[in-house]
Amino acid sequence: MWKVTASLSALLLGTFPLSFVAEPTAIGVVGLVSGSLLFASVLLLKPGERSFFNRLIRPYLAAALVLCAWIVIQILPLPFVAHSIWKSASEALDTQLRGSISVDLSSSLGALIVVLSALGTFVAATAISVEPRRAKWIANAVMWTASAFATAILIEHAIGRILPDLRGLAPHSAVLVSLIGIPLGLARAIEALGQGRTGEGVRSAIHNALVLVGIVLMLSAALVNAAREIAIPMGVGAILIALIWLTRRSRISALASIVAVMALAAIAAASAISLRDKAELPLAISFSKAPGNVMDMSVNVLADVPRQGIGAGAISALLPTYADPAEANAPEMASAAGAALAEMGAPFFWCACAIILLASMAFYLGAVRRGRDWSFAASGAAVIPGIMLAAFILPDRLTVGGTILLAASTGMAAAQRISRLRTNAE
């Protein structure tokens, strides 16, 4: 199993160089490796670990398979729910086309492969991380990779001030990876300090120092790249980590803590929605700081989107029909949430948001109730709402590499949400 752990760690570290290659190549490599790791990790589990894993993975697997099934439905030729663009194409070509919900079948197929790769990585990370020592390997790989993305942003920023033509060298949406690495680093650092020591021996001291360096790098990269936009998601993640730590230190019960967090979150969300500057715009894009022409285009896109969406990954194929032909830059939606809503459809999108938040709550409860190794579940509880908030503010979406890192991080949190020893005792 340790060879599989090392292989998954290598995949996570390899997402950084893969972010510099063409996306189809990255999708192919990640899909092949994650599929192999999925089967190897499940087959090599010990009997006791396998029974624990089987009980643990079912709800996550069910939710992921629903997402995959919906994307498949969007790809299938279903004329009665097909997008109107297929009818226009049939008339223009004077031929009968069997349309589908998706307006771009190749992009939707690519999105399905990415989702399956992320699912494979999640399952492999969960299987590996049922043993805390192996979970630390995955956590280290996520941290070092996120630090590499942050370093790329800082180098690009430094060079870009001298040679503006070299801007854009850093991997696209690399700043979002910081929202994965920072909560993990914070939780692990607090857990180490809370034990009354920073580690045993020189190796642990060096490791803890590198974790702190990684946190500083990621914070610096996030503030340099998108200081205002990224501050709120980053702050929410840090607050959740702090609340978990305070709950564990105090005599507050886990149930009372999660109820208080839910109440605070509901009040904050209601206040933000009611007091937002662009109340007349759809909620998915109303928190974006995009230029006026991008906002207008996004409003028009969302107004025309059917309830079943336009197909996963297909937004880039539809945007040129709404964009100004004189615009030099490639068109993009005002926010990543707006793009996801357009692709998946409003009912599916909002249900998915609710299910994702439920997973975050489950990780929160697990982190509060655990003894040692609570930092893994705590990082999952903080990463999920941080990424979700960033999607409503920023237009950037996680690339293939970022998606794999997120899947590994949440898989690790899922495995360590419940102590295997406590479960066996029950």
Protein backbone atom coordinates (compact mmCIF):
# COMPACT_ATOMS: atom_id res chain seq x y z
CA MET A 1 0.00 0.00 0.00
CA TRP A 2 2.93 2.33 0.58
CA LYS A 3 3.86 2.07 -3.10
CA VAL A 4 0.35 3.22 -4.02
CA THR A 5 0.68 6.05 -1.48
CA ALA A 6 3.94 7.14 -3.10
CA SER A 7 2.34 6.91 -6.55
CA LEU A 8 -0.59 9.12 -5.55
CA SER A 9 1.82 11.59 -3.96
CA ALA A 10 3.77 11.64 -7.23
CA LEU A 11 0.55 12.33 -9.16
CA LEU A 12 -0.29 15.24 -6.87
CA LEU A 13 3.21 16.68 -7.21
CA GLY A 14 3.00 16.14 -10.97
CA THR A 15 -0.11 18.31 -11.30
CA PHE A 16 2.16 21.36 -11.13
CA PRO A 17 4.21 20.59 -14.27
CA LEU A 18 1.07 19.23 -15.96
CA SER A 19 -0.52 22.66 -15.59
CA PHE A 20 1.95 23.98 -18.18
CA VAL A 21 0.95 21.48 -20.89
CA ALA A 22 -2.11 21.40 -23.12
CA GLU A 23 -5.32 20.59 -21.25
CA PRO A 24 -6.23 17.49 -23.35
CA THR A 25 -2.81 16.01 -22.56
CA ALA A 26 -3.20 16.75 -18.86
CA ILE A 27 -6.68 15.20 -18.84
CA GLY A 28 -5.39 12.04 -20.51
CA VAL A 29 -2.44 11.61 -18.16
CA VAL A 30 -4.46 12.31 -15.03
CA GLY A 31 -7.29 10.03 -16.13
CA LEU A 32 -4.96 7.12 -16.80
CA VAL A 33 -3.00 7.46 -13.56
CA SER A 34 -6.00 8.12 -11.30
CA GLY A 35 -7.85 5.11 -12.72
CA SER A 36 -4.88 2.85 -12.06
CA LEU A 37 -4.49 4.19 -8.53
CA LEU A 38 -8.19 3.68 -7.84
CA PHE A 39 -8.06 -0.06 -8.50
CA ALA A 40 -4.67 -0.56 -6.83
CA SER A 41 -5.62 1.29 -3.64
CA VAL A 42 -8.90 -0.58 -3.19
CA LEU A 43 -7.42 -4.01 -3.95
CA LEU A 44 -4.46 -3.59 -1.59
CA LEU A 45 -6.48 -2.57 1.46
CA LYS A 46 -6.21 -4.86 4.47
CA PRO A 47 -9.44 -6.65 5.51
CA GLY A 48 -10.03 -4.37 8.52
CA GLU A 49 -9.31 -1.27 6.49
CA ARG A 50 -11.53 -2.45 3.64
CA SER A 51 -14.62 -2.91 5.83
CA PHE A 52 -14.12 0.56 7.31
CA PHE A 53 -13.54 2.03 3.85
CA ASN A 54 -16.67 0.39 2.41
CA ARG A 55 -18.88 1.96 5.08
CA LEU A 56 -17.16 5.30 4.76
CA ILE A 57 -17.19 5.80 0.99
CA ARG A 58 -20.84 5.03 0.17
CA PRO A 59 -22.47 8.47 0.59
CA TYR A 60 -19.64 10.27 -1.23
CA LEU A 61 -19.68 7.73 -4.04
CA ALA A 62 -23.45 8.02 -4.43
CA ALA A 63 -23.29 11.82 -4.73
CA ALA A 64 -20.44 11.66 -7.26
CA LEU A 65 -22.22 9.07 -9.39
CA VAL A 66 -25.29 11.31 -9.56
CA LEU A 67 -23.07 14.07 -10.98
CA CYS A 68 -21.58 11.66 -13.53
CA ALA A 69 -25.04 10.39 -14.49
CA TRP A 70 -26.30 13.93 -15.08
CA ILE A 71 -23.36 14.74 -17.36
CA VAL A 72 -24.02 11.54 -19.32
CA ILE A 73 -27.68 12.54 -19.69
CA GLN A 74 -26.55 15.92 -21.02
CA ILE A 75 -24.41 14.20 -23.64
CA LEU A 76 -27.01 11.67 -24.82
CA PRO A 77 -29.07 12.49 -27.94
CA LEU A 78 -32.38 13.55 -26.42
CA PRO A 79 -34.30 15.67 -28.97
CA PHE A 80 -37.19 16.48 -26.62
CA VAL A 81 -34.88 18.37 -24.20
CA ALA A 82 -32.15 19.35 -26.67
CA HIS A 83 -30.77 22.87 -26.67
CA SER A 84 -32.31 25.16 -29.27
CA ILE A 85 -28.92 25.60 -30.93
CA TRP A 86 -29.29 22.13 -32.44
CA LYS A 87 -32.53 23.12 -34.15
CA SER A 88 -30.86 26.22 -35.57
CA ALA A 89 -27.97 24.10 -36.80
CA SER A 90 -30.37 21.64 -38.46
CA GLU A 91 -32.11 24.45 -40.29
CA ALA A 92 -28.85 26.05 -41.37
CA LEU A 93 -27.40 22.77 -42.65
CA ASP A 94 -30.72 21.57 -44.05
CA THR A 95 -30.32 18.20 -42.35
CA GLN A 96 -31.78 16.38 -39.39
CA LEU A 97 -29.59 16.53 -36.27
CA ARG A 98 -30.40 14.62 -33.10
CA GLY A 99 -29.59 17.23 -30.53
CA SER A 100 -28.64 16.94 -26.90
CA ILE A 101 -28.71 19.13 -23.80
CA SER A 102 -25.02 19.87 -24.31
CA VAL A 103 -24.10 22.40 -26.98
CA ASP A 104 -20.55 21.02 -27.20
CA LEU A 105 -20.32 17.24 -26.88
CA SER A 106 -16.52 17.08 -26.92
CA SER A 107 -16.22 19.60 -24.07
CA SER A 108 -18.85 17.76 -22.05
CA LEU A 109 -17.05 14.47 -22.62
CA GLY A 110 -13.82 16.10 -21.43
CA ALA A 111 -15.61 17.39 -18.35
CA LEU A 112 -16.91 13.88 -17.64
CA ILE A 113 -13.37 12.48 -17.86
CA VAL A 114 -12.15 15.15 -15.42
CA VAL A 115 -14.98 14.33 -12.99
CA LEU A 116 -14.23 10.61 -13.22
CA SER A 117 -10.51 11.30 -12.69
CA ALA A 118 -11.32 13.43 -9.64
CA LEU A 119 -13.60 10.66 -8.35
CA GLY A 120 -10.84 8.11 -8.83
CA THR A 121 -8.39 10.35 -6.99
CA PHE A 122 -10.91 10.93 -4.18
CA VAL A 123 -11.53 7.20 -3.72
CA ALA A 124 -7.81 6.39 -3.86
CA ALA A 125 -6.99 9.17 -1.37
CA THR A 126 -9.75 7.95 0.95
CA ALA A 127 -8.55 4.35 0.79
CA ILE A 128 -4.95 5.36 1.40
CA SER A 129 -5.78 7.81 4.19
CA VAL A 130 -7.64 5.38 6.43
CA GLU A 131 -4.21 4.94 8.01
CA PRO A 132 -3.04 8.29 9.50
CA ARG A 133 0.62 7.78 8.60
CA ARG A 134 -0.31 7.40 4.94
CA ALA A 135 -2.65 10.39 5.21
CA LYS A 136 0.34 12.53 6.19
CA TRP A 137 2.02 11.62 2.92
CA ILE A 138 -1.01 12.87 0.98
CA ALA A 139 -1.16 16.02 3.10
CA ASN A 140 2.53 16.72 2.44
CA ALA A 141 2.07 16.23 -1.31
CA VAL A 142 -0.88 18.65 -1.36
CA MET A 143 1.06 21.22 0.66
CA TRP A 144 4.21 21.07 -1.46
CA THR A 145 2.25 21.25 -4.71
CA ALA A 146 0.20 24.22 -3.50
CA SER A 147 3.45 25.90 -2.45
CA ALA A 148 4.87 25.31 -5.94
CA PHE A 149 1.82 27.00 -7.50
CA ALA A 150 2.22 29.91 -5.08
CA THR A 151 5.91 30.24 -5.91
CA ALA A 152 5.04 30.39 -9.62
CA ILE A 153 2.63 33.26 -8.95
CA LEU A 154 5.23 35.20 -6.95
CA ILE A 155 7.92 34.68 -9.60
CA GLU A 156 5.54 35.78 -12.35
CA HIS A 157 4.60 38.87 -10.35
CA ALA A 158 8.24 39.79 -9.78
CA ILE A 159 9.23 39.25 -13.42
CA GLY A 160 6.04 40.88 -14.74
CA ARG A 161 6.90 44.17 -13.06
CA ILE A 162 10.14 44.28 -15.05
CA LEU A 163 9.03 42.56 -18.26
CA PRO A 164 5.24 43.01 -18.67
CA ASP A 165 5.19 40.81 -21.78
CA LEU A 166 6.03 37.78 -19.64
CA ARG A 167 2.90 38.05 -17.52
CA GLY A 168 0.58 35.07 -17.65
CA LEU A 169 3.30 32.45 -17.26
CA ALA A 170 1.89 31.09 -13.99
CA PRO A 171 -0.67 28.29 -14.30
CA HIS A 172 -4.20 29.54 -14.86
CA SER A 173 -6.22 29.93 -11.63
CA ALA A 174 -3.16 28.97 -9.57
CA VAL A 175 -4.36 31.31 -6.83
CA LEU A 176 -7.30 28.99 -6.12
CA VAL A 177 -4.87 26.23 -5.16
CA SER A 178 -3.82 28.41 -2.22
CA LEU A 179 -7.34 28.02 -0.85
CA ILE A 180 -6.65 24.28 -0.68
CA GLY A 181 -3.17 24.48 0.84
CA ILE A 182 -3.60 27.26 3.40
CA PRO A 183 -6.34 25.62 5.55
CA LEU A 184 -4.44 22.33 5.50
CA GLY A 185 -1.21 24.01 6.58
CA LEU A 186 -2.94 26.05 9.29
CA ALA A 187 -4.76 23.04 10.74
CA ARG A 188 -1.63 20.90 10.82
CA ALA A 189 0.46 23.68 12.37
CA ILE A 190 -2.14 24.31 15.10
CA GLU A 191 -2.42 20.60 15.84
CA ALA A 192 1.36 20.29 16.20
CA LEU A 193 1.51 23.31 18.52
CA GLY A 194 -1.46 22.07 20.53
CA GLN A 195 0.36 18.88 21.41
CA GLY A 196 2.80 20.96 23.49
CA ARG A 197 5.67 20.28 21.13
CA THR A 198 6.49 21.01 17.51
CA GLY A 199 7.68 17.53 16.72
CA GLU A 200 10.24 14.93 17.69
CA GLY A 201 13.74 15.24 16.28
CA VAL A 202 15.32 17.28 13.55
CA ARG A 203 13.14 15.78 10.81
CA SER A 204 9.89 16.92 12.43
CA ALA A 205 11.31 20.37 13.14
CA ILE A 206 12.31 20.78 9.51
CA HIS A 207 8.89 19.53 8.37
CA ASN A 208 7.03 22.02 10.58
CA ALA A 209 9.26 24.84 9.37
CA LEU A 210 8.54 23.92 5.74
CA VAL A 211 4.80 23.92 6.48
CA LEU A 212 5.06 27.47 7.83
CA VAL A 213 7.10 28.54 4.80
CA GLY A 214 4.45 27.05 2.54
CA ILE A 215 1.69 28.95 4.35
CA VAL A 216 3.62 32.21 3.95
CA LEU A 217 4.19 31.55 0.25
CA MET A 218 0.52 30.77 -0.39
CA LEU A 219 -0.69 33.79 1.59
CA SER A 220 1.69 36.05 -0.30
CA ALA A 221 0.63 34.63 -3.67
CA ALA A 222 -3.06 35.01 -2.88
CA LEU A 223 -2.68 38.61 -1.74
CA VAL A 224 -0.48 39.53 -4.71
CA ASN A 225 -2.81 37.97 -7.27
CA ALA A 226 -6.26 38.90 -5.98
CA ALA A 227 -6.02 40.56 -2.58
CA ARG A 228 -9.59 41.87 -2.27
CA GLU A 229 -11.39 39.01 -3.99
CA ILE A 230 -9.56 36.21 -2.20
CA ALA A 231 -9.61 37.73 1.29
CA ILE A 232 -13.17 36.65 2.16
CA PRO A 233 -12.83 32.96 1.13
CA MET A 234 -9.45 32.79 2.83
CA GLY A 235 -10.81 34.42 5.98
CA VAL A 236 -13.77 32.03 6.15
CA GLY A 237 -11.42 29.04 6.00
CA ALA A 238 -9.20 30.46 8.75
CA ILE A 239 -12.24 31.22 10.95
CA LEU A 240 -13.53 27.65 10.60
CA ILE A 241 -10.14 26.25 11.59
CA ALA A 242 -10.08 28.58 14.61
CA LEU A 243 -13.63 27.60 15.63
CA ILE A 244 -12.75 23.91 15.47
CA TRP A 245 -9.70 24.51 17.64
CA LEU A 246 -11.69 26.58 20.16
CA THR A 247 -14.45 23.98 20.35
CA ARG A 248 -11.92 21.25 21.01
CA ARG A 249 -10.26 23.34 23.74
CA SER A 250 -13.51 24.28 25.46
CA ARG A 251 -16.33 22.21 26.93
CA ILE A 252 -18.77 23.05 24.15
CA SER A 253 -20.39 19.98 22.65
CA ALA A 254 -19.87 19.18 18.97
CA LEU A 255 -23.60 19.50 18.27
CA ALA A 256 -23.84 22.93 19.92
CA SER A 257 -20.78 24.07 17.99
CA ILE A 258 -22.11 23.03 14.59
CA VAL A 259 -25.51 24.62 15.34
CA ALA A 260 -23.77 27.87 16.26
CA VAL A 261 -21.65 27.75 13.10
CA MET A 262 -24.72 27.09 10.94
CA ALA A 263 -26.57 29.99 12.57
CA LEU A 264 -23.63 32.35 12.02
CA ALA A 265 -23.26 31.17 8.43
CA ALA A 266 -26.97 31.68 7.76
CA ILE A 267 -26.89 35.20 9.22
CA ALA A 268 -23.75 36.09 7.26
CA ALA A 269 -25.18 34.70 4.01
CA ALA A 270 -28.53 36.46 4.46
CA SER A 271 -26.78 39.75 5.23
CA ALA A 272 -24.46 39.46 2.25
CA ILE A 273 -27.31 38.62 -0.12
CA SER A 274 -29.60 41.37 1.10
CA LEU A 275 -26.89 44.05 1.20
CA ARG A 276 -25.09 43.21 -2.04
CA ASP A 277 -24.52 46.10 -4.43
CA LYS A 278 -25.91 44.33 -7.50
CA ALA A 279 -29.16 43.02 -6.09
CA GLU A 280 -30.86 43.13 -9.49
CA LEU A 281 -28.43 40.58 -10.97
CA PRO A 282 -28.63 36.78 -10.68
CA LEU A 283 -27.18 35.59 -7.38
CA ALA A 284 -24.50 33.48 -9.04
CA ILE A 285 -22.78 36.57 -10.51
CA SER A 286 -23.92 39.39 -8.23
CA PHE A 287 -20.78 39.27 -6.07
CA SER A 288 -18.39 39.44 -9.02
CA LYS A 289 -16.18 42.47 -9.65
CA ALA A 290 -16.02 41.86 -13.40
CA PRO A 291 -16.21 44.78 -15.87
CA GLY A 292 -19.60 46.03 -17.04
CA ASN A 293 -19.47 44.40 -20.46
CA VAL A 294 -18.66 41.02 -18.91
CA MET A 295 -21.52 41.41 -16.43
CA ASP A 296 -23.95 42.30 -19.22
CA MET A 297 -22.88 39.28 -21.26
CA SER A 298 -23.21 36.99 -18.23
CA VAL A 299 -26.71 38.29 -17.49
CA ASN A 300 -27.76 37.59 -21.08
CA VAL A 301 -26.29 34.08 -20.97
CA LEU A 302 -28.05 33.18 -17.72
CA ALA A 303 -31.32 34.63 -19.00
CA ASP A 304 -31.26 32.28 -21.98
CA VAL A 305 -30.02 29.15 -20.20
CA PRO A 306 -32.67 26.39 -19.93
CA ARG A 307 -33.29 24.69 -16.61
CA GLN A 308 -31.36 21.62 -17.74
CA GLY A 309 -28.27 23.69 -18.55
CA ILE A 310 -26.11 23.75 -21.68
CA GLY A 311 -23.80 20.85 -20.85
CA ALA A 312 -20.83 20.42 -18.52
CA GLY A 313 -17.77 22.24 -19.81
CA ALA A 314 -19.68 23.74 -22.74
CA ILE A 315 -19.78 27.39 -21.66
CA SER A 316 -16.72 28.32 -23.72
CA ALA A 317 -18.49 27.16 -26.89
CA LEU A 318 -21.53 29.35 -26.23
CA LEU A 319 -19.91 32.57 -24.99
CA PRO A 320 -18.60 33.79 -28.38
CA THR A 321 -22.20 34.14 -29.59
CA TYR A 322 -22.84 36.64 -26.78
CA ALA A 323 -19.49 38.45 -26.73
CA ASP A 324 -18.56 41.63 -28.55
CA PRO A 325 -16.70 40.63 -31.76
CA ALA A 326 -14.31 43.54 -31.22
CA GLU A 327 -13.21 42.18 -27.84
CA ALA A 328 -9.62 40.91 -28.08
CA ASN A 329 -9.64 38.67 -25.01
CA ALA A 330 -11.42 35.32 -24.90
CA PRO A 331 -14.89 35.79 -23.36
CA GLU A 332 -15.55 34.44 -19.88
CA MET A 333 -18.39 34.50 -17.40
CA ALA A 334 -18.35 37.02 -14.55
CA SER A 335 -17.96 34.25 -11.99
CA ALA A 336 -17.16 30.55 -11.93
CA ALA A 337 -20.47 29.92 -10.17
CA GLY A 338 -22.30 31.60 -13.05
CA ALA A 339 -20.50 29.36 -15.53
CA ALA A 340 -21.32 26.24 -13.50
CA LEU A 341 -24.98 27.25 -13.19
CA ALA A 342 -25.21 27.77 -16.94
CA GLU A 343 -23.61 24.41 -17.67
CA MET A 344 -25.40 22.22 -15.13
CA GLY A 345 -28.74 24.02 -14.88
CA ALA A 346 -30.10 25.96 -11.92
CA PRO A 347 -31.88 23.08 -10.09
CA PHE A 348 -28.86 20.78 -10.22
CA PHE A 349 -26.42 23.59 -9.37
CA TRP A 350 -28.20 24.72 -6.20
CA CYS A 351 -28.81 21.14 -5.04
CA ALA A 352 -25.10 20.43 -5.55
CA CYS A 353 -24.20 23.51 -3.48
CA ALA A 354 -26.38 22.26 -0.62
CA ILE A 355 -24.85 18.76 -0.72
CA ILE A 356 -21.32 20.20 -0.78
CA LEU A 357 -22.07 22.30 2.29
CA LEU A 358 -23.44 19.21 4.05
CA ALA A 359 -20.10 17.50 3.39
CA SER A 360 -18.31 20.48 4.93
CA MET A 361 -20.52 20.20 8.04
CA ALA A 362 -19.74 16.49 8.29
CA PHE A 363 -16.01 17.25 8.18
CA TYR A 364 -16.47 19.94 10.84
CA LEU A 365 -18.20 17.52 13.20
CA GLY A 366 -15.55 14.90 12.55
CA ALA A 367 -12.73 17.33 13.34
CA VAL A 368 -14.39 18.41 16.59
CA ARG A 369 -15.06 14.86 17.78
CA ARG A 370 -11.73 13.32 16.86
CA GLY A 371 -8.80 12.90 19.21
CA ARG A 372 -5.50 13.02 17.39
CA ASP A 373 -5.19 13.73 13.65
CA TRP A 374 -8.13 16.13 13.67
CA SER A 375 -6.36 18.50 11.28
CA PHE A 376 -7.20 16.40 8.20
CA ALA A 377 -10.97 16.68 8.65
CA ALA A 378 -10.63 20.31 9.73
CA SER A 379 -8.87 21.20 6.49
CA GLY A 380 -11.69 19.60 4.50
CA ALA A 381 -14.27 21.58 6.47
CA ALA A 382 -12.45 24.82 5.64
CA VAL A 383 -11.46 24.13 2.03
CA ILE A 384 -14.96 23.40 0.72
CA PRO A 385 -16.69 26.70 1.69
CA GLY A 386 -13.56 28.65 0.72
CA ILE A 387 -13.54 27.27 -2.82
CA MET A 388 -17.31 27.72 -3.08
CA LEU A 389 -17.17 31.38 -2.01
CA ALA A 390 -14.33 32.03 -4.45
CA ALA A 391 -16.50 30.61 -7.24
CA PHE A 392 -19.13 33.29 -6.58
CA ILE A 393 -16.53 36.07 -6.64
CA LEU A 394 -13.85 35.10 -9.16
CA PRO A 395 -14.20 34.04 -12.81
CA ASP A 396 -11.34 31.54 -12.46
CA ARG A 397 -12.12 27.85 -12.25
CA LEU A 398 -9.89 25.08 -10.99
CA THR A 399 -7.85 23.48 -13.74
CA VAL A 400 -7.40 19.72 -14.04
CA GLY A 401 -4.46 19.81 -11.62
CA GLY A 402 -6.34 21.94 -9.08
CA THR A 403 -9.35 19.64 -9.29
CA ILE A 404 -7.16 16.62 -8.54
CA LEU A 405 -5.60 18.39 -5.55
CA LEU A 406 -9.06 19.26 -4.22
CA ALA A 407 -10.22 15.66 -4.67
CA ALA A 408 -7.20 14.31 -2.80
CA SER A 409 -7.58 16.84 0.01
CA THR A 410 -11.28 16.06 0.54
CA GLY A 411 -10.66 12.31 0.23
CA MET A 412 -8.07 12.55 2.97
CA ALA A 413 -10.55 14.51 5.11
CA ALA A 414 -13.29 11.95 4.50
CA ALA A 415 -11.06 9.08 5.59
CA GLN A 416 -9.92 10.82 8.78
CA ARG A 417 -13.33 12.26 9.70
CA ILE A 418 -13.98 9.21 11.89
CA SER A 419 -11.41 7.25 13.86
CA ARG A 420 -11.17 3.69 12.55
CA LEU A 421 -10.33 2.44 16.05
CA ARG A 422 -13.42 4.10 17.51
CA THR A 423 -15.60 2.67 14.74
CA ASN A 424 -14.27 -0.83 15.33
CA ALA A 425 -14.94 -0.46 19.06
CA GLU A 426 -18.53 0.48 18.38
